[in-house]
Amino acid sequence: MSEPRFTPPAEDFEPPPELEPLPEPAEGTPQPPDRDLPEEWPHDAGTTGPPQPAG
């Protein structure tokens, strides 16, 4: 009981994905469609749906 309990530094601690808040995108960065955006929002990010063919 004399040894101190090991506690990892805050920067090394990674919370579970379900508890981790989404990082706010930098201002001016193209944001992917969010659930509060209309369905007809232009998919500029290309992160959703099938990959677009190059060219």
PDB file of N, CA and C in Angstrom:
ATOM      1  N   MET A   1       0.837  -1.213   0.000  1.00  0.00           N
ATOM      2  CA  MET A   1       0.000   0.000   0.000  1.00  0.00           C
ATOM      3  C   MET A   1       0.868   1.258   0.000  1.00  0.00           C
ATOM      4  N   SER A   2       2.184   1.078   0.195  1.00  0.00           N
ATOM      5  CA  SER A   2       3.060   2.244   0.247  1.00  0.00           C
ATOM      6  C   SER A   2       3.361   2.803  -1.145  1.00  0.00           C
ATOM      7  N   GLU A   3       3.240   1.932  -2.184  1.00  0.00           N
ATOM      8  CA  GLU A   3       3.512   2.412  -3.545  1.00  0.00           C
ATOM      9  C   GLU A   3       2.314   3.197  -4.080  1.00  0.00           C
ATOM     10  N   PRO A   4       2.572   4.351  -4.719  1.00  0.00           N
ATOM     11  CA  PRO A   4       1.473   5.142  -5.298  1.00  0.00           C
ATOM     12  C   PRO A   4       0.863   4.429  -6.499  1.00  0.00           C
ATOM     13  N   ARG A   5      -0.430   4.553  -6.640  1.00  0.00           N
ATOM     14  CA  ARG A   5      -1.114   3.904  -7.753  1.00  0.00           C
ATOM     15  C   ARG A   5      -0.697   4.578  -9.062  1.00  0.00           C
ATOM     16  N   PHE A   6      -0.426   3.753 -10.084  1.00  0.00           N
ATOM     17  CA  PHE A   6      -0.007   4.302 -11.376  1.00  0.00           C
ATOM     18  C   PHE A   6      -1.187   4.933 -12.099  1.00  0.00           C
ATOM     19  N   THR A   7      -1.040   6.201 -12.452  1.00  0.00           N
ATOM     20  CA  THR A   7      -2.073   6.877 -13.223  1.00  0.00           C
ATOM     21  C   THR A   7      -1.437   7.457 -14.478  1.00  0.00           C
ATOM     22  N   PRO A   8      -1.935   7.063 -15.651  1.00  0.00           N
ATOM     23  CA  PRO A   8      -1.362   7.552 -16.905  1.00  0.00           C
ATOM     24  C   PRO A   8      -1.592   9.048 -17.050  1.00  0.00           C
ATOM     25  N   PRO A   9      -0.662   9.764 -17.702  1.00  0.00           N
ATOM     26  CA  PRO A   9      -0.840  11.201 -17.923  1.00  0.00           C
ATOM     27  C   PRO A   9      -2.084  11.483 -18.764  1.00  0.00           C
ATOM     28  N   ALA A  10      -2.620  12.670 -18.614  1.00  0.00           N
ATOM     29  CA  ALA A  10      -3.868  13.022 -19.290  1.00  0.00           C
ATOM     30  C   ALA A  10      -3.733  12.912 -20.809  1.00  0.00           C
ATOM     31  N   GLU A  11      -2.563  13.312 -21.340  1.00  0.00           N
ATOM     32  CA  GLU A  11      -2.394  13.302 -22.789  1.00  0.00           C
ATOM     33  C   GLU A  11      -2.349  11.881 -23.360  1.00  0.00           C
ATOM     34  N   ASP A  12      -2.016  10.905 -22.510  1.00  0.00           N
ATOM     35  CA  ASP A  12      -1.970   9.526 -22.975  1.00  0.00           C
ATOM     36  C   ASP A  12      -3.320   8.816 -22.809  1.00  0.00           C
ATOM     37  N   PHE A  13      -4.204   9.437 -22.059  1.00  0.00           N
ATOM     38  CA  PHE A  13      -5.509   8.817 -21.821  1.00  0.00           C
ATOM     39  C   PHE A  13      -6.416   9.001 -23.028  1.00  0.00           C
ATOM     40  N   GLU A  14      -6.947   7.876 -23.553  1.00  0.00           N
ATOM     41  CA  GLU A  14      -7.875   7.939 -24.682  1.00  0.00           C
ATOM     42  C   GLU A  14      -9.224   7.386 -24.245  1.00  0.00           C
ATOM     43  N   PRO A  15     -10.241   8.236 -24.172  1.00  0.00           N
ATOM     44  CA  PRO A  15     -11.568   7.777 -23.770  1.00  0.00           C
ATOM     45  C   PRO A  15     -12.170   6.883 -24.846  1.00  0.00           C
ATOM     46  N   PRO A  16     -13.129   6.030 -24.499  1.00  0.00           N
ATOM     47  CA  PRO A  16     -13.789   5.172 -25.490  1.00  0.00           C
ATOM     48  C   PRO A  16     -14.414   6.020 -26.597  1.00  0.00           C
ATOM     49  N   PRO A  17     -14.502   5.475 -27.832  1.00  0.00           N
ATOM     50  CA  PRO A  17     -15.066   6.238 -28.959  1.00  0.00           C
ATOM     51  C   PRO A  17     -16.455   6.789 -28.660  1.00  0.00           C
ATOM     52  N   GLU A  18     -17.274   6.023 -27.914  1.00  0.00           N
ATOM     53  CA  GLU A  18     -18.643   6.456 -27.648  1.00  0.00           C
ATOM     54  C   GLU A  18     -18.699   7.647 -26.681  1.00  0.00           C
ATOM     55  N   LEU A  19     -17.608   7.865 -25.930  1.00  0.00           N
ATOM     56  CA  LEU A  19     -17.581   8.974 -24.985  1.00  0.00           C
ATOM     57  C   LEU A  19     -16.756  10.149 -25.515  1.00  0.00           C
ATOM     58  N   GLU A  20     -15.931   9.867 -26.525  1.00  0.00           N
ATOM     59  CA  GLU A  20     -15.055  10.907 -27.057  1.00  0.00           C
ATOM     60  C   GLU A  20     -15.830  11.876 -27.941  1.00  0.00           C
ATOM     61  N   PRO A  21     -15.826  13.177 -27.626  1.00  0.00           N
ATOM     62  CA  PRO A  21     -16.540  14.157 -28.445  1.00  0.00           C
ATOM     63  C   PRO A  21     -15.838  14.354 -29.783  1.00  0.00           C
ATOM     64  N   LEU A  22     -16.622  14.636 -30.814  1.00  0.00           N
ATOM     65  CA  LEU A  22     -16.037  14.857 -32.130  1.00  0.00           C
ATOM     66  C   LEU A  22     -15.273  16.172 -32.146  1.00  0.00           C
ATOM     67  N   PRO A  23     -14.073  16.171 -32.694  1.00  0.00           N
ATOM     68  CA  PRO A  23     -13.276  17.399 -32.749  1.00  0.00           C
ATOM     69  C   PRO A  23     -13.907  18.427 -33.671  1.00  0.00           C
ATOM     70  N   GLU A  24     -13.920  19.680 -33.238  1.00  0.00           N
ATOM     71  CA  GLU A  24     -14.502  20.740 -34.064  1.00  0.00           C
ATOM     72  C   GLU A  24     -13.561  21.040 -35.237  1.00  0.00           C
ATOM     73  N   PRO A  25     -14.088  21.028 -36.473  1.00  0.00           N
ATOM     74  CA  PRO A  25     -13.246  21.322 -37.636  1.00  0.00           C
ATOM     75  C   PRO A  25     -12.786  22.771 -37.624  1.00  0.00           C
ATOM     76  N   ALA A  26     -11.594  23.002 -38.148  1.00  0.00           N
ATOM     77  CA  ALA A  26     -11.056  24.362 -38.181  1.00  0.00           C
ATOM     78  C   ALA A  26     -11.913  25.238 -39.087  1.00  0.00           C
ATOM     79  N   GLU A  27     -11.936  26.535 -38.797  1.00  0.00           N
ATOM     80  CA  GLU A  27     -12.740  27.454 -39.598  1.00  0.00           C
ATOM     81  C   GLU A  27     -12.202  27.503 -41.021  1.00  0.00           C
ATOM     82  N   GLY A  28     -13.105  27.349 -42.002  1.00  0.00           N
ATOM     83  CA  GLY A  28     -12.679  27.358 -43.389  1.00  0.00           C
ATOM     84  C   GLY A  28     -12.446  25.958 -43.929  1.00  0.00           C
ATOM     85  N   THR A  29     -12.537  24.952 -43.051  1.00  0.00           N
ATOM     86  CA  THR A  29     -12.342  23.575 -43.492  1.00  0.00           C
ATOM     87  C   THR A  29     -13.667  23.016 -44.013  1.00  0.00           C
ATOM     88  N   PRO A  30     -13.659  22.387 -45.201  1.00  0.00           N
ATOM     89  CA  PRO A  30     -14.891  21.787 -45.730  1.00  0.00           C
ATOM     90  C   PRO A  30     -15.414  20.702 -44.803  1.00  0.00           C
ATOM     91  N   GLN A  31     -16.654  20.852 -44.360  1.00  0.00           N
ATOM     92  CA  GLN A  31     -17.220  19.894 -43.420  1.00  0.00           C
ATOM     93  C   GLN A  31     -18.098  18.888 -44.152  1.00  0.00           C
ATOM     94  N   PRO A  32     -18.009  17.609 -43.792  1.00  0.00           N
ATOM     95  CA  PRO A  32     -18.873  16.587 -44.382  1.00  0.00           C
ATOM     96  C   PRO A  32     -20.315  16.797 -43.934  1.00  0.00           C
ATOM     97  N   PRO A  33     -21.276  16.286 -44.688  1.00  0.00           N
ATOM     98  CA  PRO A  33     -22.685  16.442 -44.314  1.00  0.00           C
ATOM     99  C   PRO A  33     -22.966  15.923 -42.913  1.00  0.00           C
ATOM    100  N   ASP A  34     -23.691  16.707 -42.123  1.00  0.00           N
ATOM    101  CA  ASP A  34     -24.040  16.306 -40.764  1.00  0.00           C
ATOM    102  C   ASP A  34     -25.508  15.894 -40.740  1.00  0.00           C
ATOM    103  N   ARG A  35     -25.931  15.269 -39.627  1.00  0.00           N
ATOM    104  CA  ARG A  35     -27.307  14.794 -39.575  1.00  0.00           C
ATOM    105  C   ARG A  35     -28.307  15.943 -39.441  1.00  0.00           C
ATOM    106  N   ASP A  36     -27.833  17.120 -38.996  1.00  0.00           N
ATOM    107  CA  ASP A  36     -28.753  18.253 -38.868  1.00  0.00           C
ATOM    108  C   ASP A  36     -28.822  19.053 -40.174  1.00  0.00           C
ATOM    109  N   LEU A  37     -28.053  18.623 -41.177  1.00  0.00           N
ATOM    110  CA  LEU A  37     -28.094  19.278 -42.479  1.00  0.00           C
ATOM    111  C   LEU A  37     -29.118  18.568 -43.365  1.00  0.00           C
ATOM    112  N   PRO A  38     -29.692  19.274 -44.339  1.00  0.00           N
ATOM    113  CA  PRO A  38     -30.682  18.670 -45.236  1.00  0.00           C
ATOM    114  C   PRO A  38     -30.064  17.550 -46.071  1.00  0.00           C
ATOM    115  N   GLU A  39     -30.906  16.627 -46.512  1.00  0.00           N
ATOM    116  CA  GLU A  39     -30.429  15.486 -47.290  1.00  0.00           C
ATOM    117  C   GLU A  39     -29.803  15.937 -48.607  1.00  0.00           C
ATOM    118  N   GLU A  40     -30.281  17.056 -49.142  1.00  0.00           N
ATOM    119  CA  GLU A  40     -29.778  17.524 -50.434  1.00  0.00           C
ATOM    120  C   GLU A  40     -28.489  18.344 -50.312  1.00  0.00           C
ATOM    121  N   TRP A  41     -27.856  18.275 -49.150  1.00  0.00           N
ATOM    122  CA  TRP A  41     -26.580  18.972 -48.960  1.00  0.00           C
ATOM    123  C   TRP A  41     -25.531  18.367 -49.901  1.00  0.00           C
ATOM    124  N   PRO A  42     -24.797  19.216 -50.630  1.00  0.00           N
ATOM    125  CA  PRO A  42     -23.793  18.712 -51.581  1.00  0.00           C
ATOM    126  C   PRO A  42     -22.687  17.940 -50.873  1.00  0.00           C
ATOM    127  N   HIS A  43     -22.408  16.750 -51.344  1.00  0.00           N
ATOM    128  CA  HIS A  43     -21.376  15.917 -50.734  1.00  0.00           C
ATOM    129  C   HIS A  43     -20.013  16.292 -51.316  1.00  0.00           C
ATOM    130  N   ASP A  44     -19.465  17.380 -50.797  1.00  0.00           N
ATOM    131  CA  ASP A  44     -18.171  17.840 -51.315  1.00  0.00           C
ATOM    132  C   ASP A  44     -17.019  17.062 -50.700  1.00  0.00           C
ATOM    133  N   ALA A  45     -17.226  16.587 -49.469  1.00  0.00           N
ATOM    134  CA  ALA A  45     -16.135  15.919 -48.767  1.00  0.00           C
ATOM    135  C   ALA A  45     -15.808  14.573 -49.417  1.00  0.00           C
ATOM    136  N   GLY A  46     -16.840  13.885 -49.916  1.00  0.00           N
ATOM    137  CA  GLY A  46     -16.611  12.593 -50.538  1.00  0.00           C
ATOM    138  C   GLY A  46     -16.348  11.493 -49.525  1.00  0.00           C
ATOM    139  N   THR A  47     -16.632  11.774 -48.258  1.00  0.00           N
ATOM    140  CA  THR A  47     -16.374  10.779 -47.211  1.00  0.00           C
ATOM    141  C   THR A  47     -17.572   9.848 -47.070  1.00  0.00           C
ATOM    142  N   THR A  48     -18.723  10.238 -47.647  1.00  0.00           N
ATOM    143  CA  THR A  48     -19.912   9.410 -47.525  1.00  0.00           C
ATOM    144  C   THR A  48     -20.311   8.892 -48.905  1.00  0.00           C
ATOM    145  N   GLY A  49     -20.967   7.733 -48.934  1.00  0.00           N
ATOM    146  CA  GLY A  49     -21.395   7.167 -50.207  1.00  0.00           C
ATOM    147  C   GLY A  49     -20.245   6.481 -50.927  1.00  0.00           C
ATOM    148  N   PRO A  50     -20.514   6.010 -52.138  1.00  0.00           N
ATOM    149  CA  PRO A  50     -19.469   5.315 -52.909  1.00  0.00           C
ATOM    150  C   PRO A  50     -18.373   6.284 -53.336  1.00  0.00           C
ATOM    151  N   PRO A  51     -17.133   5.801 -53.455  1.00  0.00           N
ATOM    152  CA  PRO A  51     -16.022   6.661 -53.883  1.00  0.00           C
ATOM    153  C   PRO A  51     -16.215   7.152 -55.305  1.00  0.00           C
ATOM    154  N   GLN A  52     -15.935   8.418 -55.523  1.00  0.00           N
ATOM    155  CA  GLN A  52     -16.117   8.985 -56.856  1.00  0.00           C
ATOM    156  C   GLN A  52     -14.948   8.584 -57.753  1.00  0.00           C
ATOM    157  N   PRO A  53     -15.233   8.166 -59.003  1.00  0.00           N
ATOM    158  CA  PRO A  53     -14.147   7.793 -59.926  1.00  0.00           C
ATOM    159  C   PRO A  53     -13.306   9.002 -60.294  1.00  0.00           C
ATOM    160  N   ALA A  54     -12.010   8.828 -60.347  1.00  0.00           N
ATOM    161  CA  ALA A  54     -11.112   9.939 -60.678  1.00  0.00           C
ATOM    162  C   ALA A  54     -11.195  10.263 -62.159  1.00  0.00           C
ATOM    163  N   GLY A  55     -11.209  11.554 -62.482  1.00  0.00           N
ATOM    164  CA  GLY A  55     -11.212  11.952 -63.870  1.00  0.00           C
ATOM    165  C   GLY A  55     -12.602  12.199 -64.381  1.00  0.00           C
TER     166      GLY A  55
END
